[in-house]
Amino acid sequence: MVAFHVLTTLSPAKLHLWRDKAEGDPGALAYDAEPRGSDADGLLSFSAPLNHQLHEPAHALLHDGKWGRREAPELSRIVPRVAEYRFPDDLWLVEGAKRVLQRRPFDAARDQVRVHVVTSETGDALFVWLPGQSGRIVHAAGRDDLGPYFDVALQGAERHWLAFKLVDQAGVHEPDELNRLWVAEDGDEIWVHPQIASICCCPPLRRRVTVRLFDYGAPGLASLRLWQEAARYQLDVDGVREPDGWLRYEVELFTDLVYWFRFRTPGPGDDDWEHAEAKRNVVLTADGAACTVCGDGDLRRIGEGSLWTLEGDHRLFGEPPAPSLELSLRIADSAPGCGLERATLADVWINRARRPLHAPLEPRPDGSFVFSTYPGVVTSVRQNVRARESSLGEMIVPNTQFTRQTMSWAIRSTAPTATITAAVRRMLRERDPNLVFAEVRTLDEHARRFDLGAVLRLHERRGQAGRIGTCEV
């Protein structure tokens, strides 16, 4: 259960929570959390049962229960995660600001904050406010080599947290999606960029990063699209192909900001872009290191200003990856008539890549398919590609697994349960006689066992089964 502590003027108020629609799902999962009164700090309190085993991003938005008054859609927040993709026990929100706090904001206080705006043109004034209080304009106190700066005197609740946005010389305010939230823990001096909602606690520097993409020999040159999720910033970077087949992209970015990127290969049809699952992010540090923010919120150091990645997968490497892992795949058993017993070829590709890594792959005399792949990424295999039969199965081969005592697999098949069960038992026995095959359930049996009600989805990503009930999001 996650507790949300919210500063809002909405009365009544509800906290709308939802997840991105997963591929194959009929719709997105949504839930309205009811207020549970005020907490010790006078903030409105909500509780929500968020299931961390579902890895699609969870979002939050305030409304009055009838959607007559509501935050704008562009103010929807992503609920942060911590270790093991779990959600924090407590989170703090301010109506009108997208930032979500993981620490209680009232444990520190400041009497003044200096706000530096990194620009030479915009940022003539600041508009500062808190919900329930009158906002005010603060004019620049001076200018340094980065741009204007503003000294904001704080009083009352502002000493703990404060919302603000930039105002240009014509008096036009930045859009609401760029509303920023400062907290005393950020310090008494911060730096911000126009059109970017992030706050930096140290002077930003420009650092160059080199990104290399392996596209499996695709025709043409893919372009790299950079953007920031809480911003109106985006940049397209053209690449050059190196003699070893990698595409190289070089770009200069500010330190301590999270930049997201994907690749686009212009061409006919709607598949110009990589799959959304291949979305990556990079953060540059003052010492020249390239880092990435993992799904659990951890900042992981990757390399010294150079990154390598594979088309179709979000994994970033600090050195050139090599397909050094050899796998042998053999069809242990198959349902009569499904076509797998006649498999003569196979396609192998990396996760959601648009071009195969090996194709066509012929079986060895014993019927097995042997191929090399990259450690640490998802490898996908499709058998019998010569016939292209739509009824054939597709399997995901994860090269790394979480260390757990048990593992669950979701198998999609039209064959009878008894046939699938016997095949899995034989396969496990041949691999390791000590492996225990504990239980098998159909989807209907799974639903009845957990009494999931009307809302049920099976989470099949990377060999992991997840469940969700009517009161879980």
Protein backbone atom coordinates (compact mmCIF):
# COMPACT_ATOMS: atom_id res chain seq x y z
CA MET A 1 0.00 0.00 0.00
CA VAL A 2 1.36 3.40 -1.04
CA ALA A 3 0.43 6.54 0.94
CA PHE A 4 0.16 9.78 -1.05
CA HIS A 5 0.35 13.08 0.90
CA VAL A 6 -1.13 15.86 -1.25
CA LEU A 7 -1.26 19.64 -1.02
CA THR A 8 -4.37 20.61 -3.00
CA THR A 9 -7.27 23.06 -3.04
CA LEU A 10 -9.65 20.53 -4.64
CA SER A 11 -12.58 19.63 -2.41
CA PRO A 12 -13.66 16.94 -2.72
CA ALA A 13 -10.54 15.43 -4.22
CA LYS A 14 -9.64 12.08 -5.70
CA LEU A 15 -6.32 10.76 -6.94
CA HIS A 16 -6.69 9.05 -10.30
CA LEU A 17 -4.07 6.32 -10.85
CA TRP A 18 -3.54 4.37 -14.06
CA ARG A 19 -0.99 2.37 -16.00
CA ASP A 20 0.14 2.56 -19.59
CA LYS A 21 -1.72 0.08 -21.78
CA ALA A 22 0.45 -3.01 -22.23
CA GLU A 23 0.76 -4.65 -25.63
CA GLY A 24 -2.09 -7.11 -26.13
CA ASP A 25 -4.23 -5.68 -23.31
CA PRO A 26 -7.78 -4.52 -24.14
CA GLY A 27 -7.30 -1.27 -22.21
CA ALA A 28 -5.35 0.61 -19.58
CA LEU A 29 -5.85 -0.15 -15.88
CA ALA A 30 -7.29 2.73 -13.84
CA TYR A 31 -8.26 3.35 -10.22
CA ASP A 32 -9.55 6.34 -8.19
CA ALA A 33 -8.03 6.55 -4.71
CA GLU A 34 -10.35 8.04 -2.08
CA PRO A 35 -9.04 10.55 0.52
CA ARG A 36 -8.48 9.20 4.02
CA GLY A 37 -8.47 12.52 5.84
CA SER A 38 -5.53 14.76 6.71
CA ASP A 39 -2.10 13.62 7.85
CA ALA A 40 -0.03 15.10 10.70
CA ASP A 41 1.20 17.91 8.39
CA GLY A 42 -2.31 18.92 7.29
CA LEU A 43 -1.98 17.35 3.83
CA LEU A 44 -4.74 15.30 2.24
CA SER A 45 -3.88 11.60 2.49
CA PHE A 46 -4.64 8.86 -0.06
CA SER A 47 -3.78 5.15 -0.04
CA ALA A 48 -3.48 2.99 -3.14
CA PRO A 49 -2.55 -0.69 -3.63
CA LEU A 50 0.05 -0.49 -6.42
CA ASN A 51 1.38 -3.83 -7.62
CA HIS A 52 5.14 -3.50 -8.23
CA GLN A 53 5.25 -6.74 -10.24
CA LEU A 54 3.60 -4.93 -13.16
CA HIS A 55 6.36 -2.90 -14.74
CA GLU A 56 4.33 -0.52 -16.90
CA PRO A 57 4.64 3.07 -15.60
CA ALA A 58 1.97 4.15 -13.12
CA HIS A 59 0.61 7.71 -13.37
CA ALA A 60 -1.27 10.00 -10.95
CA LEU A 61 -3.59 12.97 -11.54
CA LEU A 62 -5.86 14.94 -9.18
CA HIS A 63 -9.54 15.66 -9.87
CA ASP A 64 -12.70 16.56 -7.93
CA GLY A 65 -14.45 13.22 -8.32
CA LYS A 66 -16.63 14.38 -11.20
CA TRP A 67 -13.82 15.63 -13.45
CA GLY A 68 -15.34 19.12 -13.39
CA ARG A 69 -12.14 20.46 -11.84
CA ARG A 70 -9.00 18.57 -12.58
CA GLU A 71 -5.33 18.92 -13.27
CA ALA A 72 -4.50 19.23 -16.95
CA PRO A 73 -3.54 15.93 -18.65
CA GLU A 74 -0.01 17.22 -19.27
CA LEU A 75 0.46 17.38 -15.46
CA SER A 76 0.11 13.61 -15.05
CA ARG A 77 2.97 12.32 -12.90
CA ILE A 78 4.91 9.09 -13.12
CA VAL A 79 4.95 7.33 -9.76
CA PRO A 80 8.63 6.65 -8.89
CA ARG A 81 10.03 3.25 -7.95
CA VAL A 82 12.84 2.07 -5.70
CA ALA A 83 14.86 -1.15 -5.39
CA GLU A 84 13.32 -4.30 -6.94
CA TYR A 85 10.87 -2.04 -8.82
CA ARG A 86 8.86 -1.54 -5.64
CA PHE A 87 6.97 1.65 -4.84
CA PRO A 88 7.95 3.83 -1.86
CA ASP A 89 5.71 3.59 1.20
CA ASP A 90 5.09 7.36 1.21
CA LEU A 91 5.04 9.99 -1.55
CA TRP A 92 4.34 13.76 -1.49
CA LEU A 93 2.59 15.77 -4.25
CA VAL A 94 1.67 19.41 -4.85
CA GLU A 95 -1.32 20.20 -7.05
CA GLY A 96 -0.11 21.70 -10.33
CA ALA A 97 3.45 20.31 -10.24
CA LYS A 98 4.60 17.01 -11.79
CA ARG A 99 7.46 16.34 -9.38
CA VAL A 100 6.84 13.51 -6.92
CA LEU A 101 8.80 13.60 -3.65
CA GLN A 102 10.02 10.50 -1.86
CA ARG A 103 11.06 12.31 1.34
CA ARG A 104 8.97 14.38 3.74
CA PRO A 105 9.52 18.02 2.69
CA PHE A 106 9.08 19.50 6.18
CA ASP A 107 12.30 18.13 7.67
CA ALA A 108 14.30 21.08 6.26
CA ALA A 109 13.60 24.81 5.82
CA ARG A 110 15.19 27.81 4.03
CA ASP A 111 14.64 31.56 4.36
CA GLN A 112 15.70 32.29 0.76
CA VAL A 113 16.48 30.45 -2.47
CA ARG A 114 18.47 31.75 -5.44
CA VAL A 115 17.19 30.49 -8.79
CA HIS A 116 19.58 30.63 -11.76
CA VAL A 117 18.08 30.45 -15.26
CA VAL A 118 20.49 28.96 -17.79
CA THR A 119 19.69 31.08 -20.84
CA SER A 120 20.61 34.30 -22.60
CA GLU A 121 17.11 35.27 -23.75
CA THR A 122 14.14 34.08 -21.69
CA GLY A 123 13.50 34.24 -17.96
CA ASP A 124 12.70 37.90 -17.26
CA ALA A 125 10.74 37.02 -14.10
CA LEU A 126 9.54 34.16 -11.91
CA PHE A 127 5.99 33.43 -10.89
CA VAL A 128 6.00 31.64 -7.50
CA TRP A 129 3.05 30.13 -5.62
CA LEU A 130 1.60 27.32 -3.52
CA PRO A 131 -1.96 25.93 -3.78
CA GLY A 132 -4.25 27.97 -1.54
CA GLN A 133 -1.95 31.01 -1.53
CA SER A 134 -1.73 34.03 -3.80
CA GLY A 135 1.09 33.84 -6.31
CA ARG A 136 3.56 36.66 -6.89
CA ILE A 137 6.08 37.86 -9.46
CA VAL A 138 9.79 37.94 -8.58
CA HIS A 139 12.14 39.94 -10.82
CA ALA A 140 15.77 39.17 -11.54
CA ALA A 141 18.27 40.24 -8.87
CA GLY A 142 21.24 40.08 -11.24
CA ARG A 143 22.96 38.20 -14.01
CA ASP A 144 25.99 35.88 -14.22
CA ASP A 145 27.73 34.08 -17.08
CA LEU A 146 24.88 31.52 -17.35
CA GLY A 147 21.98 33.97 -17.32
CA PRO A 148 19.71 35.85 -14.90
CA TYR A 149 19.24 34.80 -11.28
CA PHE A 150 16.40 35.47 -8.83
CA ASP A 151 16.50 35.79 -5.04
CA VAL A 152 13.20 34.56 -3.62
CA ALA A 153 12.42 35.40 0.02
CA LEU A 154 10.48 32.59 1.69
CA GLN A 155 7.96 32.55 4.51
CA GLY A 156 5.52 30.11 6.04
CA ALA A 157 5.07 26.89 4.10
CA GLU A 158 7.28 28.30 1.32
CA ARG A 159 10.29 27.67 3.55
CA HIS A 160 9.76 23.94 2.91
CA TRP A 161 8.51 23.82 -0.68
CA LEU A 162 7.55 26.20 -3.46
CA ALA A 163 6.16 25.97 -7.00
CA PHE A 164 7.44 28.32 -9.70
CA LYS A 165 7.63 28.92 -13.45
CA LEU A 166 9.39 31.35 -15.79
CA VAL A 167 7.80 34.47 -17.29
CA ASP A 168 9.24 36.04 -20.45
CA GLN A 169 9.63 39.73 -21.24
CA ALA A 170 6.16 39.87 -22.79
CA GLY A 171 4.63 38.58 -19.56
CA VAL A 172 3.84 35.14 -21.02
CA HIS A 173 4.08 32.32 -18.49
CA GLU A 174 5.56 28.94 -19.30
CA PRO A 175 2.94 26.20 -19.86
CA ASP A 176 1.71 24.28 -16.80
CA GLU A 177 3.57 21.13 -17.80
CA LEU A 178 6.80 23.01 -16.94
CA ASN A 179 5.70 23.96 -13.41
CA ARG A 180 8.63 23.24 -11.11
CA LEU A 181 8.60 22.24 -7.44
CA TRP A 182 11.51 23.30 -5.21
CA VAL A 183 12.00 21.74 -1.75
CA ALA A 184 14.34 22.94 0.97
CA GLU A 185 16.39 19.76 0.64
CA ASP A 186 17.43 20.97 -2.86
CA GLY A 187 19.47 23.74 -1.19
CA ASP A 188 19.40 27.53 -1.21
CA GLU A 189 20.79 27.79 -4.76
CA ILE A 190 19.42 25.95 -7.80
CA TRP A 191 19.70 26.05 -11.62
CA VAL A 192 16.89 25.58 -14.15
CA HIS A 193 16.61 25.57 -17.95
CA PRO A 194 13.80 27.12 -20.01
CA GLN A 195 11.36 24.54 -21.42
CA ILE A 196 12.69 21.92 -18.98
CA ALA A 197 10.98 21.19 -15.64
CA SER A 198 14.01 19.57 -13.99
CA ILE A 199 15.88 21.32 -11.18
CA CYS A 200 19.68 21.06 -10.83
CA CYS A 201 21.40 21.54 -7.48
CA CYS A 202 24.81 22.44 -8.95
CA PRO A 203 25.93 24.59 -11.89
CA PRO A 204 25.32 22.74 -15.17
CA LEU A 205 28.20 21.98 -17.52
CA ARG A 206 28.25 20.90 -21.14
CA ARG A 207 29.69 17.47 -21.81
CA ARG A 208 29.99 15.49 -25.04
CA VAL A 209 28.66 11.96 -25.28
CA THR A 210 29.13 9.42 -28.08
CA VAL A 211 26.38 6.85 -28.71
CA ARG A 212 26.95 3.86 -31.00
CA LEU A 213 24.11 1.77 -32.40
CA PHE A 214 24.29 -1.69 -33.96
CA ASP A 215 21.42 -1.98 -36.44
CA TYR A 216 22.18 -5.45 -37.90
CA GLY A 217 23.07 -4.00 -41.29
CA ALA A 218 19.81 -2.14 -41.93
CA PRO A 219 19.73 -0.06 -45.11
CA GLY A 220 19.99 3.68 -44.62
CA LEU A 221 21.12 5.61 -41.57
CA ALA A 222 18.96 5.86 -38.47
CA SER A 223 18.66 9.22 -36.73
CA LEU A 224 18.80 9.59 -32.95
CA ARG A 225 15.90 11.46 -31.29
CA LEU A 226 16.68 13.03 -27.89
CA TRP A 227 14.01 14.45 -25.58
CA GLN A 228 13.14 15.09 -21.95
CA GLU A 229 9.92 13.79 -20.47
CA ALA A 230 9.09 16.86 -18.34
CA ALA A 231 10.06 19.35 -21.03
CA ARG A 232 9.43 20.70 -24.50
CA TYR A 233 12.98 19.89 -25.56
CA GLN A 234 13.83 17.51 -28.39
CA LEU A 235 16.79 17.14 -30.76
CA ASP A 236 17.49 14.94 -33.79
CA VAL A 237 21.09 13.82 -34.35
CA ASP A 238 22.38 12.26 -37.58
CA GLY A 239 24.86 9.41 -37.40
CA VAL A 240 27.73 8.09 -39.50
CA ARG A 241 28.49 4.44 -40.20
CA GLU A 242 31.88 3.24 -39.01
CA PRO A 243 33.92 0.52 -40.79
CA ASP A 244 32.97 -2.10 -38.18
CA GLY A 245 29.24 -1.62 -38.92
CA TRP A 246 28.33 0.48 -35.88
CA LEU A 247 26.55 3.83 -36.30
CA ARG A 248 28.12 6.70 -34.35
CA TYR A 249 26.29 9.73 -32.93
CA GLU A 250 27.91 12.61 -31.07
CA VAL A 251 26.06 15.30 -29.13
CA GLU A 252 26.79 17.85 -26.41
CA LEU A 253 24.41 17.79 -23.43
CA PHE A 254 24.06 19.48 -20.06
CA THR A 255 25.12 17.55 -16.97
CA ASP A 256 22.71 16.23 -14.32
CA LEU A 257 19.68 16.13 -16.64
CA VAL A 258 17.91 12.96 -17.79
CA TYR A 259 17.80 12.71 -21.61
CA TRP A 260 15.74 9.97 -23.28
CA PHE A 261 16.43 8.67 -26.77
CA ARG A 262 15.28 6.27 -29.48
CA PHE A 263 16.26 5.68 -33.09
CA ARG A 264 14.30 6.27 -36.25
CA THR A 265 14.99 4.79 -39.68
CA PRO A 266 12.98 6.68 -42.33
CA GLY A 267 11.09 4.44 -44.72
CA PRO A 268 7.63 3.38 -45.89
CA GLY A 269 5.03 2.20 -43.41
CA ASP A 270 4.53 2.90 -39.73
CA ASP A 271 7.62 1.12 -38.41
CA ASP A 272 10.08 4.00 -38.75
CA TRP A 273 10.62 4.10 -35.01
CA GLU A 274 12.10 1.49 -32.74
CA HIS A 275 9.65 -0.26 -30.45
CA ALA A 276 8.73 1.76 -27.34
CA GLU A 277 10.41 -0.91 -25.20
CA ALA A 278 13.76 0.25 -26.62
CA LYS A 279 13.46 3.72 -25.03
CA ARG A 280 16.74 4.52 -23.24
CA ASN A 281 17.98 7.34 -21.01
CA VAL A 282 21.35 8.89 -20.24
CA VAL A 283 22.61 11.29 -17.56
CA LEU A 284 26.02 12.96 -17.89
CA THR A 285 27.99 13.88 -14.78
CA ALA A 286 30.49 16.69 -14.22
CA ASP A 287 33.40 14.22 -14.29
CA GLY A 288 32.44 13.07 -17.80
CA ALA A 289 30.74 9.79 -16.86
CA ALA A 290 27.67 8.54 -18.72
CA CYS A 291 24.99 7.05 -16.45
CA THR A 292 21.46 5.73 -16.83
CA VAL A 293 18.45 5.79 -14.51
CA CYS A 294 17.26 2.20 -14.06
CA GLY A 295 13.62 1.19 -13.73
CA ASP A 296 13.97 1.08 -9.94
CA GLY A 297 15.20 4.70 -9.86
CA ASP A 298 18.85 3.78 -9.27
CA LEU A 299 21.49 5.81 -11.16
CA ARG A 300 23.94 3.33 -12.72
CA ARG A 301 27.31 4.39 -14.12
CA ILE A 302 27.90 2.92 -17.58
CA GLY A 303 31.07 4.39 -19.06
CA GLU A 304 33.24 7.41 -19.61
CA GLY A 305 31.30 9.42 -22.17
CA SER A 306 30.74 6.59 -24.69
CA LEU A 307 27.76 4.26 -24.93
CA TRP A 308 26.88 1.25 -27.09
CA THR A 309 23.39 -0.12 -27.66
CA LEU A 310 21.56 -2.66 -29.85
CA GLU A 311 18.62 -1.69 -32.03
CA GLY A 312 15.36 -2.85 -30.45
CA ASP A 313 16.56 -3.11 -26.83
CA HIS A 314 16.96 -0.49 -24.08
CA ARG A 315 20.17 -1.93 -22.60
CA LEU A 316 23.20 0.40 -22.64
CA PHE A 317 26.80 -0.83 -22.56
CA GLY A 318 30.01 0.91 -21.53
CA GLU A 319 32.04 -1.05 -24.08
CA PRO A 320 31.23 -2.74 -27.39
CA PRO A 321 29.02 -5.79 -26.68
CA ALA A 322 29.77 -9.04 -28.45
CA PRO A 323 27.46 -12.00 -29.26
CA SER A 324 29.58 -14.23 -27.04
CA LEU A 325 26.82 -16.41 -25.58
CA GLU A 326 26.05 -19.62 -27.49
CA LEU A 327 22.60 -21.10 -27.04
CA SER A 328 21.15 -24.40 -28.18
CA LEU A 329 17.39 -24.56 -28.66
CA ARG A 330 15.57 -27.80 -29.28
CA ILE A 331 11.81 -28.37 -29.52
CA ALA A 332 11.23 -31.00 -26.82
CA ASP A 333 7.64 -31.71 -27.77
CA SER A 334 4.73 -30.12 -29.59
CA ALA A 335 1.01 -30.54 -29.93
CA PRO A 336 -0.09 -32.56 -32.97
CA GLY A 337 -0.81 -30.35 -35.94
CA CYS A 338 0.75 -27.18 -34.54
CA GLY A 339 3.52 -27.25 -37.15
CA LEU A 340 6.51 -27.15 -34.80
CA GLU A 341 7.32 -30.80 -35.46
CA ARG A 342 8.10 -29.73 -39.02
CA ALA A 343 10.25 -26.73 -38.06
CA THR A 344 13.00 -26.44 -40.64
CA LEU A 345 14.20 -22.89 -40.09
CA ALA A 346 14.26 -20.25 -37.36
CA ASP A 347 14.59 -16.49 -37.02
CA VAL A 348 16.57 -15.05 -34.12
CA TRP A 349 16.51 -11.39 -33.17
CA ILE A 350 17.25 -9.14 -30.22
CA ASN A 351 14.15 -8.29 -28.20
CA ARG A 352 12.07 -5.88 -30.33
CA ALA A 353 14.58 -5.34 -33.14
CA ARG A 354 13.16 -4.79 -36.61
CA ARG A 355 15.83 -6.90 -38.33
CA PRO A 356 16.93 -10.42 -37.31
CA LEU A 357 20.25 -11.29 -35.77
CA HIS A 358 20.27 -14.70 -37.52
CA ALA A 359 17.94 -15.55 -40.40
CA PRO A 360 17.29 -18.03 -41.73
CA LEU A 361 18.84 -20.39 -39.19
CA GLU A 362 18.93 -24.08 -40.12
CA PRO A 363 18.74 -26.85 -37.52
CA ARG A 364 21.56 -29.26 -36.81
CA PRO A 365 21.16 -32.99 -37.55
CA ASP A 366 19.77 -33.59 -34.05
CA GLY A 367 17.05 -30.99 -34.68
CA SER A 368 18.50 -28.30 -32.42
CA PHE A 369 19.05 -24.67 -33.38
CA VAL A 370 22.43 -23.35 -32.23
CA PHE A 371 23.17 -19.64 -32.35
CA SER A 372 25.16 -16.91 -30.64
CA THR A 373 23.57 -13.92 -28.93
CA TYR A 374 24.36 -11.03 -26.61
CA PRO A 375 24.47 -11.66 -22.83
CA GLY A 376 22.22 -9.48 -20.71
CA VAL A 377 19.55 -8.75 -23.31
CA VAL A 378 16.34 -10.51 -24.38
CA THR A 379 16.71 -12.84 -27.37
CA SER A 380 13.58 -13.79 -29.33
CA VAL A 381 13.18 -16.91 -31.48
CA ARG A 382 10.51 -17.86 -34.03
CA GLN A 383 10.52 -21.35 -35.56
CA ASN A 384 9.46 -22.56 -39.01
CA VAL A 385 9.81 -19.16 -40.63
CA ARG A 386 9.83 -20.75 -44.09
CA ALA A 387 6.13 -21.50 -43.80
CA ARG A 388 5.33 -18.34 -41.82
CA GLU A 389 2.46 -20.16 -40.15
CA SER A 390 0.55 -17.78 -37.88
CA SER A 391 -0.35 -20.59 -35.48
CA LEU A 392 3.24 -21.25 -34.46
CA GLY A 393 4.41 -20.34 -30.97
CA GLU A 394 6.81 -17.60 -30.03
CA MET A 395 9.13 -17.84 -27.05
CA ILE A 396 11.32 -15.37 -25.18
CA VAL A 397 14.73 -16.55 -23.97
CA PRO A 398 15.93 -14.33 -21.10
CA ASN A 399 19.71 -14.55 -20.65
CA THR A 400 19.56 -13.25 -17.09
CA GLN A 401 17.00 -13.92 -14.37
CA PHE A 402 16.32 -12.46 -10.95
CA THR A 403 17.59 -14.66 -8.14
CA ARG A 404 14.45 -16.21 -6.77
CA GLN A 405 13.58 -19.59 -5.34
CA THR A 406 10.79 -20.14 -7.86
CA MET A 407 10.11 -19.18 -11.43
CA SER A 408 6.76 -18.95 -13.23
CA TRP A 409 6.22 -19.11 -16.98
CA ALA A 410 3.17 -18.05 -18.95
CA ILE A 411 2.70 -20.35 -21.96
CA ARG A 412 0.25 -19.42 -24.70
CA SER A 413 -0.98 -22.47 -26.62
CA THR A 414 -4.08 -23.96 -28.18
CA ALA A 415 -3.01 -27.49 -27.20
CA PRO A 416 -4.69 -29.31 -24.28
CA THR A 417 -3.23 -28.59 -20.84
CA ALA A 418 -2.19 -32.23 -20.38
CA THR A 419 -0.16 -32.16 -23.61
CA ILE A 420 1.67 -28.96 -22.62
CA THR A 421 2.27 -30.22 -19.07
CA ALA A 422 3.83 -33.46 -20.30
CA ALA A 423 6.09 -31.59 -22.71
CA VAL A 424 7.31 -29.18 -20.00
CA ARG A 425 7.97 -32.03 -17.58
CA ARG A 426 10.07 -33.88 -20.17
CA MET A 427 12.03 -30.75 -21.06
CA LEU A 428 12.81 -29.95 -17.42
CA ARG A 429 13.76 -33.56 -16.67
CA GLU A 430 16.23 -33.61 -19.55
CA ARG A 431 17.75 -30.28 -18.51
CA ASP A 432 18.02 -31.00 -14.79
CA PRO A 433 16.41 -33.99 -13.04
CA ASN A 434 16.51 -32.05 -9.75
CA LEU A 435 14.20 -29.29 -10.98
CA VAL A 436 10.75 -29.58 -9.42
CA PHE A 437 7.73 -28.81 -11.59
CA ALA A 438 5.36 -27.69 -8.86
CA GLU A 439 2.08 -26.66 -10.42
CA VAL A 440 0.23 -25.82 -13.63
CA ARG A 441 -2.94 -23.74 -13.94
CA THR A 442 -5.03 -22.50 -16.83
CA LEU A 443 -5.93 -18.82 -17.01
CA ASP A 444 -9.46 -19.55 -15.77
CA GLU A 445 -8.13 -21.55 -12.83
CA HIS A 446 -5.70 -18.73 -12.03
CA ALA A 447 -8.58 -16.23 -12.00
CA ARG A 448 -10.78 -18.37 -9.75
CA ARG A 449 -7.94 -19.04 -7.32
CA PHE A 450 -7.19 -15.37 -6.73
CA ASP A 451 -10.79 -14.09 -7.16
CA LEU A 452 -9.65 -11.31 -9.46
CA GLY A 453 -13.11 -10.24 -10.50
CA ALA A 454 -13.64 -8.36 -13.72
CA VAL A 455 -10.14 -6.99 -14.21
CA LEU A 456 -7.46 -9.55 -14.97
CA ARG A 457 -4.35 -9.45 -17.05
CA LEU A 458 -1.49 -11.83 -17.50
CA HIS A 459 1.91 -10.14 -17.52
CA GLU A 460 4.14 -12.12 -19.84
CA ARG A 461 7.10 -9.78 -20.25
CA ARG A 462 10.50 -11.45 -19.88
CA GLY A 463 9.16 -14.72 -18.62
CA GLN A 464 7.43 -13.26 -15.58
CA ALA A 465 3.78 -13.85 -14.70
CA GLY A 466 1.93 -11.09 -12.87
CA ARG A 467 -1.67 -10.61 -11.72
CA ILE A 468 -3.87 -7.71 -10.87
CA GLY A 469 -7.21 -7.42 -9.17
CA THR A 470 -9.98 -4.88 -9.23
CA CYS A 471 -8.32 -2.92 -6.39
CA GLU A 472 -4.75 -3.19 -7.63
CA VAL A 473 -3.12 -0.98 -10.25
